[in-house]
Each structure stands twice: as C-alpha cells, then as structure tokens.
Amino acid sequence: MSSIFRRALGADFDRLHPEIQRRFGFSSADGVASIGEGVMEELWRGPAFTVPFLVLGTWRRIMFPERGRDVPFRIENYAYVDGFGRETVTWARTFELPRRTRRFDATMIWSERRGCIVDYLGTHQHLAVDLHASVDAEGGIRFRSGDQRFYERRIAFRFPLVFSGVAEVREWYDDEERRFRISVEVGNARFGRLFGYRGWFHAEELPCSVVTRRVKPVREERRE
C-alpha cells in the first residue's frame, strides 16, 4: 500500500524535500503517524460578512471565525483504511486560542475515478473537495482545491465555484530553522479572502498500531 500523496504526485514525489517526503510518504501499512506541534504566527479571517459562514463551519470543525497571533498548534496525521476499504489520512488540526480550543478536521483519500486527492472536510464528511497536488521549486508540497460537493444522505449537489472557497495550501521544510512551515489561504473570486493561517511546527514520526476514534470522522461518505 503506497501513500496517497505519492500516488497523487507520481514521479514528482521524489522532487520533494527529504523531510517532506518523510511526512507525506507513509501509509497504513507502515504503522506510524506524524504528529506535529508548533505555533501559528497568524490566524486571520475575511471581513465581518464572512463571520456567519465561518461560525457555521464550527459545528462540524470546518474553519472558525477567530483571529489570533502566536497560537499554539498541533497537527495529527494518521493513515488507516476506512470502512469502504480506502487508504485514508487524517488531518486533525488543533488551535489553542486564548478563550477556547478550535479544531479543523479533514480526512483525505486518493480517488482513481477523479484522478486526484479527495479531501473530506469536517466530522461528518459532508463536504468533498478535489485537491490537486504539486511540488514547488523549494521541494515543498502544494495543494489547490477544485470541485466541491455536498453529501448528506440522499442529498448530493456540486457547489458552483463562484460560491465556493478556493484553498491554496503550501507546506515546506525550513532547513535553516529545522522545522516545517505551512501556509493556508481560502478565498473567493467575488468575496475575497475568507480564512487562513501561517506558521511553523516540529513533527515526529511515532509508532501507531491503532488509530483513535478521536481523529476519525463520525460518519464516512462513500461518494467521492
């Protein structure tokens, strides 16, 4: 079983920085997890009219409205096989804000049918987002979101991109500081910048035989 990110990048995976290869190269067969802790130097959101949208996202751990600087951060990446037999990677992100803790959860799979990674956002996998991966000149990994779909029982529809948030994600390794850096920006062509964060973390690879339910979705969605 190979890493979903190796499958997404193909031969370009070998162009990644060795530390990025290590973080993105494991699968459920390897019995390890990547756990990172650090600081998000900035958490930001768009203008006031974006707040109701971001508050709605907190119900399912999809974005949140708070702003902040130098926020303690934790990221948990576990690989496992889900109930539909799909290789899956968790992205459980925790932000320790002064007044409350916020979570931003997602699970990713590789979709042969769609030819890209599918990122299920939130605790119930209601939102499925195509992610297109690439390698930058510094050996960092980049993701850009594409088509977005909503699934809930018999309901299924595609979001028009004019009403969707387009995510740009970059993760790279800072050789001078010997730590990982990350930048996330979600925006919309009509409404501008919506949500994002940037900062750094240290990550270690830990043995993992069982993936806790705390980082798994409450409900799994078959549809990609």
Protein backbone atom coordinates (compact mmCIF):
# COMPACT_ATOMS: atom_id res chain seq x y z
CA MET A 1 0.00 0.00 0.00
CA SER A 2 1.56 3.32 -1.05
CA SER A 3 0.99 6.79 0.33
CA ILE A 4 -1.94 8.68 -1.21
CA PHE A 5 0.40 11.64 -1.76
CA ARG A 6 2.92 9.51 -3.62
CA ARG A 7 0.09 8.31 -5.84
CA ALA A 8 -1.05 11.89 -6.42
CA LEU A 9 2.41 13.18 -7.36
CA GLY A 10 3.79 10.13 -9.16
CA ALA A 11 7.44 10.57 -10.12
CA ASP A 12 7.37 14.16 -8.83
CA PHE A 13 7.19 12.82 -5.27
CA ASP A 14 10.96 12.28 -5.41
CA ARG A 15 11.44 16.02 -6.00
CA LEU A 16 10.07 16.81 -2.54
CA HIS A 17 12.47 17.80 0.22
CA PRO A 18 13.50 14.63 2.15
CA GLU A 19 11.69 15.82 5.29
CA ILE A 20 8.51 16.48 3.31
CA GLN A 21 8.85 13.02 1.73
CA ARG A 22 9.04 11.54 5.21
CA ARG A 23 5.93 13.41 6.39
CA PHE A 24 3.86 12.58 3.33
CA GLY A 25 5.30 9.20 2.39
CA PHE A 26 3.80 6.79 4.93
CA SER A 27 0.70 4.66 4.56
CA SER A 28 -1.48 2.48 6.78
CA ALA A 29 0.90 -0.43 6.15
CA ASP A 30 3.78 1.36 7.88
CA GLY A 31 2.31 1.50 11.39
CA VAL A 32 3.39 5.10 12.06
CA ALA A 33 1.83 8.53 12.49
CA SER A 34 3.19 12.05 12.05
CA ILE A 35 2.45 14.34 15.00
CA GLY A 36 3.44 17.99 14.82
CA GLU A 37 3.42 20.78 17.40
CA GLY A 38 4.27 24.42 16.88
CA VAL A 39 2.86 27.92 16.57
CA MET A 40 0.62 29.57 14.03
CA GLU A 41 2.06 33.04 13.77
CA GLU A 42 -1.16 34.39 12.32
CA LEU A 43 -4.79 33.26 12.11
CA TRP A 44 -6.92 35.53 10.00
CA ARG A 45 -10.39 35.81 8.51
CA GLY A 46 -12.12 37.99 5.98
CA PRO A 47 -14.44 40.97 6.57
CA ALA A 48 -17.35 40.89 9.01
CA PHE A 49 -19.78 39.45 6.45
CA THR A 50 -17.74 36.21 6.41
CA VAL A 51 -18.27 35.59 10.15
CA PRO A 52 -21.68 33.80 9.92
CA PHE A 53 -20.22 31.44 7.30
CA LEU A 54 -17.19 30.70 9.49
CA VAL A 55 -19.33 30.26 12.64
CA LEU A 56 -21.46 27.73 10.74
CA GLY A 57 -18.27 25.82 9.98
CA THR A 58 -17.50 25.35 13.68
CA TRP A 59 -20.44 22.94 14.01
CA ARG A 60 -18.56 20.34 12.00
CA ARG A 61 -14.98 21.51 12.70
CA ILE A 62 -14.64 23.22 9.32
CA MET A 63 -12.97 26.61 9.82
CA PHE A 64 -13.79 29.13 12.57
CA PRO A 65 -14.13 32.93 12.96
CA GLU A 66 -11.39 33.77 15.48
CA ARG A 67 -8.29 35.77 14.68
CA GLY A 68 -5.03 35.42 16.55
CA ARG A 69 -1.26 35.59 16.64
CA ASP A 70 1.27 33.12 18.02
CA VAL A 71 -1.39 30.46 18.59
CA PRO A 72 -0.19 27.05 19.87
CA PHE A 73 -0.89 24.45 17.20
CA ARG A 74 -1.00 20.68 16.88
CA ILE A 75 -1.44 18.57 13.73
CA GLU A 76 -2.13 14.82 13.74
CA ASN A 77 -1.70 12.76 10.58
CA TYR A 78 -2.69 9.10 10.88
CA ALA A 79 -3.03 6.66 7.99
CA TYR A 80 -5.68 3.93 8.07
CA VAL A 81 -8.09 2.00 5.85
CA ASP A 82 -11.64 3.31 6.19
CA GLY A 83 -14.91 1.36 6.21
CA PHE A 84 -15.03 1.35 2.40
CA GLY A 85 -11.51 -0.07 2.06
CA ARG A 86 -9.92 3.24 1.07
CA GLU A 87 -6.46 4.34 2.16
CA THR A 88 -7.16 7.41 4.32
CA VAL A 89 -5.07 10.08 6.05
CA THR A 90 -6.35 12.25 8.90
CA TRP A 91 -5.68 15.97 9.18
CA ALA A 92 -6.70 16.82 12.73
CA ARG A 93 -5.57 20.39 13.47
CA THR A 94 -5.94 21.94 16.92
CA PHE A 95 -5.58 25.66 17.65
CA GLU A 96 -5.27 26.64 21.32
CA LEU A 97 -6.83 30.09 21.29
CA PRO A 98 -6.93 32.17 24.48
CA ARG A 99 -10.64 31.67 25.15
CA ARG A 100 -11.30 28.31 23.52
CA THR A 101 -9.81 25.43 21.58
CA ARG A 102 -10.73 25.13 17.93
CA ARG A 103 -10.43 22.04 15.73
CA PHE A 104 -10.20 21.89 11.94
CA ASP A 105 -10.65 18.28 10.83
CA ALA A 106 -10.39 16.55 7.48
CA THR A 107 -9.69 13.12 6.01
CA MET A 108 -8.12 12.55 2.62
CA ILE A 109 -8.25 9.68 0.15
CA TRP A 110 -6.85 9.08 -3.35
CA SER A 111 -9.60 8.78 -5.95
CA GLU A 112 -8.75 6.85 -9.10
CA ARG A 113 -12.04 7.92 -10.64
CA ARG A 114 -11.42 11.61 -10.11
CA GLY A 115 -7.67 11.40 -10.64
CA CYS A 116 -6.82 13.44 -7.57
CA ILE A 117 -6.98 13.50 -3.78
CA VAL A 118 -10.45 13.97 -2.32
CA ASP A 119 -10.47 15.93 0.92
CA TYR A 120 -13.50 15.29 3.14
CA LEU A 121 -13.89 18.29 5.41
CA GLY A 122 -15.30 18.14 8.91
CA THR A 123 -16.51 15.49 11.29
CA HIS A 124 -19.22 14.01 9.04
CA GLN A 125 -17.56 14.14 5.60
CA HIS A 126 -20.38 16.36 4.28
CA LEU A 127 -18.02 18.32 2.05
CA ALA A 128 -15.84 16.57 -0.54
CA VAL A 129 -13.21 18.75 -2.20
CA ASP A 130 -10.86 17.81 -5.04
CA LEU A 131 -7.23 18.60 -4.19
CA HIS A 132 -4.58 18.92 -6.89
CA ALA A 133 -1.04 18.40 -5.61
CA SER A 134 2.23 19.75 -6.99
CA VAL A 135 5.86 20.28 -5.96
CA ASP A 136 7.37 23.77 -5.77
CA ALA A 137 10.90 24.90 -6.53
CA GLU A 138 11.98 24.51 -2.89
CA GLY A 139 10.77 20.94 -2.58
CA GLY A 140 7.60 21.92 -0.75
CA ILE A 141 4.20 20.39 -1.44
CA ARG A 142 1.31 22.49 -2.67
CA PHE A 143 -2.41 21.78 -2.84
CA ARG A 144 -5.04 23.74 -4.73
CA SER A 145 -8.70 22.93 -4.31
CA GLY A 146 -11.02 22.26 -7.23
CA ASP A 147 -14.57 20.94 -7.48
CA GLN A 148 -16.55 20.85 -4.24
CA ARG A 149 -19.54 18.68 -3.46
CA PHE A 150 -22.04 18.39 -0.58
CA TYR A 151 -23.34 14.98 0.53
CA GLU A 152 -25.96 14.23 3.18
CA ARG A 153 -27.97 11.03 2.93
CA ARG A 154 -29.87 11.25 -0.39
CA ILE A 155 -28.89 14.86 -0.94
CA ALA A 156 -25.95 15.49 -3.24
CA PHE A 157 -25.01 18.59 -5.20
CA ARG A 158 -21.96 20.38 -6.58
CA PHE A 159 -21.10 23.87 -5.35
CA PRO A 160 -20.66 26.42 -8.18
CA LEU A 161 -17.10 27.74 -7.83
CA VAL A 162 -18.42 31.30 -7.74
CA PHE A 163 -19.87 30.49 -4.30
CA SER A 164 -17.02 28.23 -3.14
CA GLY A 165 -13.88 28.92 -1.21
CA VAL A 166 -10.73 28.05 -3.16
CA ALA A 167 -7.92 26.82 -0.90
CA GLU A 168 -4.21 27.29 -1.54
CA VAL A 169 -2.03 25.24 0.81
CA ARG A 170 1.74 25.08 0.95
CA GLU A 171 3.89 23.04 3.34
CA TRP A 172 7.68 23.10 3.18
CA TYR A 173 10.75 22.45 5.30
CA ASP A 174 12.90 25.30 6.57
CA ASP A 175 16.46 23.95 6.60
CA GLU A 176 17.82 26.95 8.45
CA GLU A 177 15.29 26.75 11.29
CA ARG A 178 15.00 22.94 11.07
CA ARG A 179 11.22 22.96 11.21
CA PHE A 180 8.19 22.65 8.94
CA ARG A 181 6.32 25.71 7.75
CA ILE A 182 2.75 25.90 6.50
CA SER A 183 0.59 28.50 4.81
CA VAL A 184 -3.14 28.11 4.15
CA GLU A 185 -5.35 30.64 2.38
CA VAL A 186 -9.02 30.23 1.48
CA GLY A 187 -10.52 32.85 -0.80
CA ASN A 188 -13.30 33.54 -3.26
CA ALA A 189 -13.11 35.38 -6.57
CA ARG A 190 -16.11 37.54 -5.67
CA PHE A 191 -15.82 37.92 -1.89
CA GLY A 192 -12.04 37.97 -1.47
CA ARG A 193 -10.02 36.37 1.32
CA LEU A 194 -12.11 34.25 3.70
CA PHE A 195 -9.88 32.35 6.13
CA GLY A 196 -6.32 31.20 6.63
CA TYR A 197 -3.28 30.73 8.80
CA ARG A 198 0.50 30.55 8.60
CA GLY A 199 3.18 29.33 10.97
CA TRP A 200 5.57 26.54 11.82
CA PHE A 201 5.80 23.22 13.64
CA HIS A 202 8.15 20.39 14.52
CA ALA A 203 6.93 16.90 13.60
CA GLU A 204 7.96 13.46 14.76
CA GLU A 205 7.10 10.04 13.45
CA LEU A 206 5.60 7.83 16.15
CA PRO A 207 4.68 4.13 16.19
CA CYS A 208 0.94 3.63 15.67
CA SER A 209 -0.92 0.33 15.73
CA VAL A 210 -4.45 1.67 16.35
CA VAL A 211 -5.88 4.98 15.14
CA THR A 212 -8.05 6.57 17.83
CA ARG A 213 -11.65 7.42 17.00
CA ARG A 214 -10.96 10.95 18.27
CA VAL A 215 -9.38 11.83 14.91
CA LYS A 216 -11.68 9.79 12.68
CA PRO A 217 -14.91 11.14 11.16
CA VAL A 218 -18.18 10.41 12.90
CA ARG A 219 -19.67 9.37 9.56
CA GLU A 220 -17.95 8.10 6.42
CA GLU A 221 -19.15 9.05 2.95
CA ARG A 222 -18.88 6.56 0.10
CA ARG A 223 -19.45 9.10 -2.67
CA GLU A 224 -16.38 10.88 -3.93
